[in-house]
């Protein structure tokens, strides 16, 4: 069950949230990204993702994100890649995440939105675009590694132990 927005906002201002981020690859060496333009992150492309709910399994949240954000009901593989710590020292609301990054592979070209970009528009890219939201710029080389199939699952710690923060 989801929290009412005011409670979610409060919780997200006092504790780190755990999220999943999905690098979704498909045939022809393409990656599926979603457009975001809101007061929290501004305009840019980002990895589809979502916050894990209380007592929800990782695979359930991954399936929910794939289905709800990308209309993907099944995938060929799901590989855990990294844990990243994402902090914005200038924001209390949703200002600290532990982000679990997964590479999902699908065997078809998904339907994408054409025309004017709006929140949730989906597009395919042959490499990471330069206009990723700031919090996801750190994933550009990982996106490209997933597209080429050369990602390294040994580097699972990502930047979880670093002091990396988004400077705004």
C-alpha atoms as a PDB file:
ATOM      1  CA  UNK A   1       0.000   0.000   0.000  1.00  0.00           C
ATOM      2  CA  UNK A   2       1.353   3.417  -0.913  1.00  0.00           C
ATOM      3  CA  UNK A   3       1.639   6.122   1.699  1.00  0.00           C
ATOM      4  CA  UNK A   4      -0.413   9.291   1.343  1.00  0.00           C
ATOM      5  CA  UNK A   5       1.766  11.931  -0.369  1.00  0.00           C
ATOM      6  CA  UNK A   6       2.256  14.071   2.748  1.00  0.00           C
ATOM      7  CA  UNK A   7       3.509  11.053   4.742  1.00  0.00           C
ATOM      8  CA  UNK A   8       5.758   9.919   1.897  1.00  0.00           C
ATOM      9  CA  UNK A   9       7.214  13.435   1.684  1.00  0.00           C
ATOM     10  CA  UNK A  10       7.888  13.424   5.428  1.00  0.00           C
ATOM     11  CA  UNK A  11       9.524   9.974   5.380  1.00  0.00           C
ATOM     12  CA  UNK A  12      11.668  10.960   2.394  1.00  0.00           C
ATOM     13  CA  UNK A  13      12.894  14.011   4.320  1.00  0.00           C
ATOM     14  CA  UNK A  14      14.164  12.046   7.336  1.00  0.00           C
ATOM     15  CA  UNK A  15      15.543   8.788   5.926  1.00  0.00           C
ATOM     16  CA  UNK A  16      17.271   7.486   2.799  1.00  0.00           C
ATOM     17  CA  UNK A  17      15.007   5.797   0.282  1.00  0.00           C
ATOM     18  CA  UNK A  18      15.911   2.619  -1.595  1.00  0.00           C
ATOM     19  CA  UNK A  19      15.176   2.653  -5.298  1.00  0.00           C
ATOM     20  CA  UNK A  20      15.684   0.470  -8.348  1.00  0.00           C
ATOM     21  CA  UNK A  21      16.946   1.940 -11.627  1.00  0.00           C
ATOM     22  CA  UNK A  22      16.546  -0.070 -14.839  1.00  0.00           C
ATOM     23  CA  UNK A  23      18.841  -0.025 -17.836  1.00  0.00           C
ATOM     24  CA  UNK A  24      16.571  -1.694 -20.395  1.00  0.00           C
ATOM     25  CA  UNK A  25      18.346  -2.984 -23.480  1.00  0.00           C
ATOM     26  CA  UNK A  26      16.707  -4.326 -26.613  1.00  0.00           C
ATOM     27  CA  UNK A  27      17.762  -5.602 -30.068  1.00  0.00           C
ATOM     28  CA  UNK A  28      19.864  -3.435 -32.388  1.00  0.00           C
ATOM     29  CA  UNK A  29      21.972  -2.298 -29.405  1.00  0.00           C
ATOM     30  CA  UNK A  30      19.466   0.219 -28.090  1.00  0.00           C
ATOM     31  CA  UNK A  31      18.519   1.370 -24.604  1.00  0.00           C
ATOM     32  CA  UNK A  32      15.071   2.544 -23.506  1.00  0.00           C
ATOM     33  CA  UNK A  33      14.954   5.771 -21.478  1.00  0.00           C
ATOM     34  CA  UNK A  34      12.144   7.880 -20.071  1.00  0.00           C
ATOM     35  CA  UNK A  35      11.751  11.679 -20.202  1.00  0.00           C
ATOM     36  CA  UNK A  36      11.367  13.521 -16.928  1.00  0.00           C
ATOM     37  CA  UNK A  37      10.486  17.171 -16.391  1.00  0.00           C
ATOM     38  CA  UNK A  38       9.345  18.005 -12.886  1.00  0.00           C
ATOM     39  CA  UNK A  39      10.149  20.231  -9.918  1.00  0.00           C
ATOM     40  CA  UNK A  40      12.390  17.599  -8.309  1.00  0.00           C
ATOM     41  CA  UNK A  41      14.739  16.707 -11.158  1.00  0.00           C
ATOM     42  CA  UNK A  42      14.144  19.135 -14.020  1.00  0.00           C
ATOM     43  CA  UNK A  43      14.080  18.183 -17.693  1.00  0.00           C
ATOM     44  CA  UNK A  44      16.119  15.272 -19.004  1.00  0.00           C
ATOM     45  CA  UNK A  45      16.275  11.587 -19.807  1.00  0.00           C
ATOM     46  CA  UNK A  46      16.501   9.105 -16.977  1.00  0.00           C
ATOM     47  CA  UNK A  47      16.511   5.428 -16.212  1.00  0.00           C
ATOM     48  CA  UNK A  48      13.043   4.136 -15.422  1.00  0.00           C
ATOM     49  CA  UNK A  49      12.955   3.492 -11.703  1.00  0.00           C
ATOM     50  CA  UNK A  50      10.967   3.387  -8.546  1.00  0.00           C
ATOM     51  CA  UNK A  51      11.143   3.353  -4.792  1.00  0.00           C
ATOM     52  CA  UNK A  52      10.867  -0.013  -3.061  1.00  0.00           C
ATOM     53  CA  UNK A  53       7.802  -0.215  -0.820  1.00  0.00           C
ATOM     54  CA  UNK A  54       7.805  -1.659   2.682  1.00  0.00           C
ATOM     55  CA  UNK A  55       7.956  -5.482   2.527  1.00  0.00           C
ATOM     56  CA  UNK A  56       8.141  -5.473  -1.263  1.00  0.00           C
ATOM     57  CA  UNK A  57      10.648  -7.749  -2.997  1.00  0.00           C
ATOM     58  CA  UNK A  58      13.192  -6.326  -5.410  1.00  0.00           C
ATOM     59  CA  UNK A  59      11.909  -8.372  -8.321  1.00  0.00           C
ATOM     60  CA  UNK A  60       8.352  -7.179  -7.681  1.00  0.00           C
ATOM     61  CA  UNK A  61       9.451  -3.520  -7.788  1.00  0.00           C
ATOM     62  CA  UNK A  62      11.501  -4.221 -10.953  1.00  0.00           C
ATOM     63  CA  UNK A  63       8.452  -5.812 -12.608  1.00  0.00           C
ATOM     64  CA  UNK A  64       6.213  -2.915 -11.500  1.00  0.00           C
ATOM     65  CA  UNK A  65       8.601  -0.292 -12.910  1.00  0.00           C
ATOM     66  CA  UNK A  66       9.008  -2.194 -16.194  1.00  0.00           C
ATOM     67  CA  UNK A  67       5.244  -2.618 -16.534  1.00  0.00           C
ATOM     68  CA  UNK A  68       3.979   0.727 -15.261  1.00  0.00           C
ATOM     69  CA  UNK A  69       6.636   3.001 -16.762  1.00  0.00           C
ATOM     70  CA  UNK A  70       7.549   1.095 -19.927  1.00  0.00           C
ATOM     71  CA  UNK A  71       4.658  -1.315 -20.676  1.00  0.00           C
ATOM     72  CA  UNK A  72       7.116  -4.220 -20.488  1.00  0.00           C
ATOM     73  CA  UNK A  73       5.457  -7.322 -19.084  1.00  0.00           C
ATOM     74  CA  UNK A  74       8.331  -9.787 -19.503  1.00  0.00           C
ATOM     75  CA  UNK A  75      12.086  -9.642 -19.926  1.00  0.00           C
ATOM     76  CA  UNK A  76      14.761 -12.135 -20.924  1.00  0.00           C
ATOM     77  CA  UNK A  77      17.220 -11.390 -18.158  1.00  0.00           C
ATOM     78  CA  UNK A  78      17.687  -9.182 -15.130  1.00  0.00           C
ATOM     79  CA  UNK A  79      21.247  -8.599 -13.934  1.00  0.00           C
ATOM     80  CA  UNK A  80      22.172  -6.683 -10.795  1.00  0.00           C
ATOM     81  CA  UNK A  81      24.938  -4.187 -11.612  1.00  0.00           C
ATOM     82  CA  UNK A  82      25.573  -1.649  -8.880  1.00  0.00           C
ATOM     83  CA  UNK A  83      24.576   0.058  -5.677  1.00  0.00           C
ATOM     84  CA  UNK A  84      24.898   3.840  -5.791  1.00  0.00           C
ATOM     85  CA  UNK A  85      24.391   6.462  -3.133  1.00  0.00           C
ATOM     86  CA  UNK A  86      22.715   9.569  -4.496  1.00  0.00           C
ATOM     87  CA  UNK A  87      22.487  12.627  -2.271  1.00  0.00           C
ATOM     88  CA  UNK A  88      21.459  16.189  -2.860  1.00  0.00           C
ATOM     89  CA  UNK A  89      22.712  18.252   0.118  1.00  0.00           C
ATOM     90  CA  UNK A  90      20.452  21.174  -0.803  1.00  0.00           C
ATOM     91  CA  UNK A  91      17.200  19.261  -0.760  1.00  0.00           C
ATOM     92  CA  UNK A  92      15.404  17.567   2.115  1.00  0.00           C
ATOM     93  CA  UNK A  93      12.523  16.095   0.142  1.00  0.00           C
ATOM     94  CA  UNK A  94      13.808  12.997  -1.677  1.00  0.00           C
ATOM     95  CA  UNK A  95      17.375  14.118  -1.054  1.00  0.00           C
ATOM     96  CA  UNK A  96      19.057  10.769  -0.263  1.00  0.00           C
ATOM     97  CA  UNK A  97      18.778   7.440  -2.095  1.00  0.00           C
ATOM     98  CA  UNK A  98      20.446   4.088  -2.176  1.00  0.00           C
ATOM     99  CA  UNK A  99      19.962   3.170  -5.799  1.00  0.00           C
ATOM    100  CA  UNK A 100      20.114  -0.450  -6.994  1.00  0.00           C
ATOM    101  CA  UNK A 101      20.891  -0.571 -10.719  1.00  0.00           C
ATOM    102  CA  UNK A 102      19.780  -3.516 -12.864  1.00  0.00           C
ATOM    103  CA  UNK A 103      20.211  -4.321 -16.548  1.00  0.00           C
ATOM    104  CA  UNK A 104      17.069  -5.791 -18.111  1.00  0.00           C
ATOM    105  CA  UNK A 105      17.187  -7.351 -21.549  1.00  0.00           C
ATOM    106  CA  UNK A 106      14.140  -7.663 -23.779  1.00  0.00           C
ATOM    107  CA  UNK A 107      14.000  -9.409 -27.163  1.00  0.00           C
ATOM    108  CA  UNK A 108      11.823  -6.906 -29.045  1.00  0.00           C
ATOM    109  CA  UNK A 109      11.724  -3.198 -29.884  1.00  0.00           C
ATOM    110  CA  UNK A 110       9.198  -1.590 -27.501  1.00  0.00           C
ATOM    111  CA  UNK A 111       6.696   1.043 -28.535  1.00  0.00           C
ATOM    112  CA  UNK A 112       7.971   4.570 -27.932  1.00  0.00           C
ATOM    113  CA  UNK A 113       6.337   7.981 -27.894  1.00  0.00           C
ATOM    114  CA  UNK A 114       6.792  10.309 -30.832  1.00  0.00           C
ATOM    115  CA  UNK A 115       6.326  14.053 -30.959  1.00  0.00           C
ATOM    116  CA  UNK A 116       6.454  16.472 -28.051  1.00  0.00           C
ATOM    117  CA  UNK A 117       8.228  15.227 -24.930  1.00  0.00           C
ATOM    118  CA  UNK A 118       6.198  14.956 -21.739  1.00  0.00           C
ATOM    119  CA  UNK A 119       6.775  13.207 -18.422  1.00  0.00           C
ATOM    120  CA  UNK A 120       7.011   9.500 -19.106  1.00  0.00           C
ATOM    121  CA  UNK A 121       7.743   9.740 -22.844  1.00  0.00           C
ATOM    122  CA  UNK A 122       9.872   6.763 -23.903  1.00  0.00           C
ATOM    123  CA  UNK A 123      12.611   6.809 -26.533  1.00  0.00           C
ATOM    124  CA  UNK A 124      15.318   4.432 -27.747  1.00  0.00           C
ATOM    125  CA  UNK A 125      18.974   5.481 -27.886  1.00  0.00           C
ATOM    126  CA  UNK A 126      22.087   3.865 -29.396  1.00  0.00           C
ATOM    127  CA  UNK A 127      24.148   5.354 -26.527  1.00  0.00           C
ATOM    128  CA  UNK A 128      23.582   7.397 -23.375  1.00  0.00           C
ATOM    129  CA  UNK A 129      22.325  10.865 -24.340  1.00  0.00           C
ATOM    130  CA  UNK A 130      24.127  13.905 -22.973  1.00  0.00           C
ATOM    131  CA  UNK A 131      20.935  15.353 -21.510  1.00  0.00           C
ATOM    132  CA  UNK A 132      20.397  12.794 -18.757  1.00  0.00           C
ATOM    133  CA  UNK A 133      19.074  14.287 -15.528  1.00  0.00           C
ATOM    134  CA  UNK A 134      21.979  15.312 -13.315  1.00  0.00           C
ATOM    135  CA  UNK A 135      21.442  12.490 -10.820  1.00  0.00           C
ATOM    136  CA  UNK A 136      21.733   9.914 -13.638  1.00  0.00           C
ATOM    137  CA  UNK A 137      24.778  11.332 -15.433  1.00  0.00           C
ATOM    138  CA  UNK A 138      26.844   8.940 -13.310  1.00  0.00           C
ATOM    139  CA  UNK A 139      25.166   6.052 -15.209  1.00  0.00           C
ATOM    140  CA  UNK A 140      26.204   7.144 -18.737  1.00  0.00           C
ATOM    141  CA  UNK A 141      29.183   4.775 -19.051  1.00  0.00           C
ATOM    142  CA  UNK A 142      27.204   1.951 -17.435  1.00  0.00           C
ATOM    143  CA  UNK A 143      24.365   2.515 -19.927  1.00  0.00           C
ATOM    144  CA  UNK A 144      26.855   2.297 -22.797  1.00  0.00           C
ATOM    145  CA  UNK A 145      28.399  -0.859 -21.309  1.00  0.00           C
ATOM    146  CA  UNK A 146      24.973  -2.493 -21.104  1.00  0.00           C
ATOM    147  CA  UNK A 147      24.171  -1.545 -24.697  1.00  0.00           C
ATOM    148  CA  UNK A 148      27.382  -3.182 -25.883  1.00  0.00           C
ATOM    149  CA  UNK A 149      27.004  -6.142 -23.506  1.00  0.00           C
ATOM    150  CA  UNK A 150      30.351  -5.387 -21.873  1.00  0.00           C
ATOM    151  CA  UNK A 151      29.209  -4.436 -18.381  1.00  0.00           C
ATOM    152  CA  UNK A 152      31.228  -5.670 -15.434  1.00  0.00           C
ATOM    153  CA  UNK A 153      29.166  -7.247 -12.674  1.00  0.00           C
ATOM    154  CA  UNK A 154      32.235  -7.367 -10.416  1.00  0.00           C
ATOM    155  CA  UNK A 155      31.996  -3.586  -9.921  1.00  0.00           C
ATOM    156  CA  UNK A 156      28.782  -4.051  -7.968  1.00  0.00           C
ATOM    157  CA  UNK A 157      29.514  -1.420  -5.332  1.00  0.00           C
ATOM    158  CA  UNK A 158      29.144   1.520  -7.716  1.00  0.00           C
ATOM    159  CA  UNK A 159      29.785   4.672  -5.711  1.00  0.00           C
ATOM    160  CA  UNK A 160      28.007   3.614  -2.524  1.00  0.00           C
ATOM    161  CA  UNK A 161      31.124   4.271  -0.437  1.00  0.00           C
ATOM    162  CA  UNK A 162      31.985   7.613  -2.005  1.00  0.00           C
ATOM    163  CA  UNK A 163      31.009  11.070  -0.879  1.00  0.00           C
ATOM    164  CA  UNK A 164      29.503  11.833  -4.296  1.00  0.00           C
ATOM    165  CA  UNK A 165      26.645  14.290  -4.081  1.00  0.00           C
ATOM    166  CA  UNK A 166      24.704  16.304  -6.605  1.00  0.00           C
ATOM    167  CA  UNK A 167      25.795  19.902  -6.365  1.00  0.00           C
ATOM    168  CA  UNK A 168      22.965  22.341  -6.908  1.00  0.00           C
END
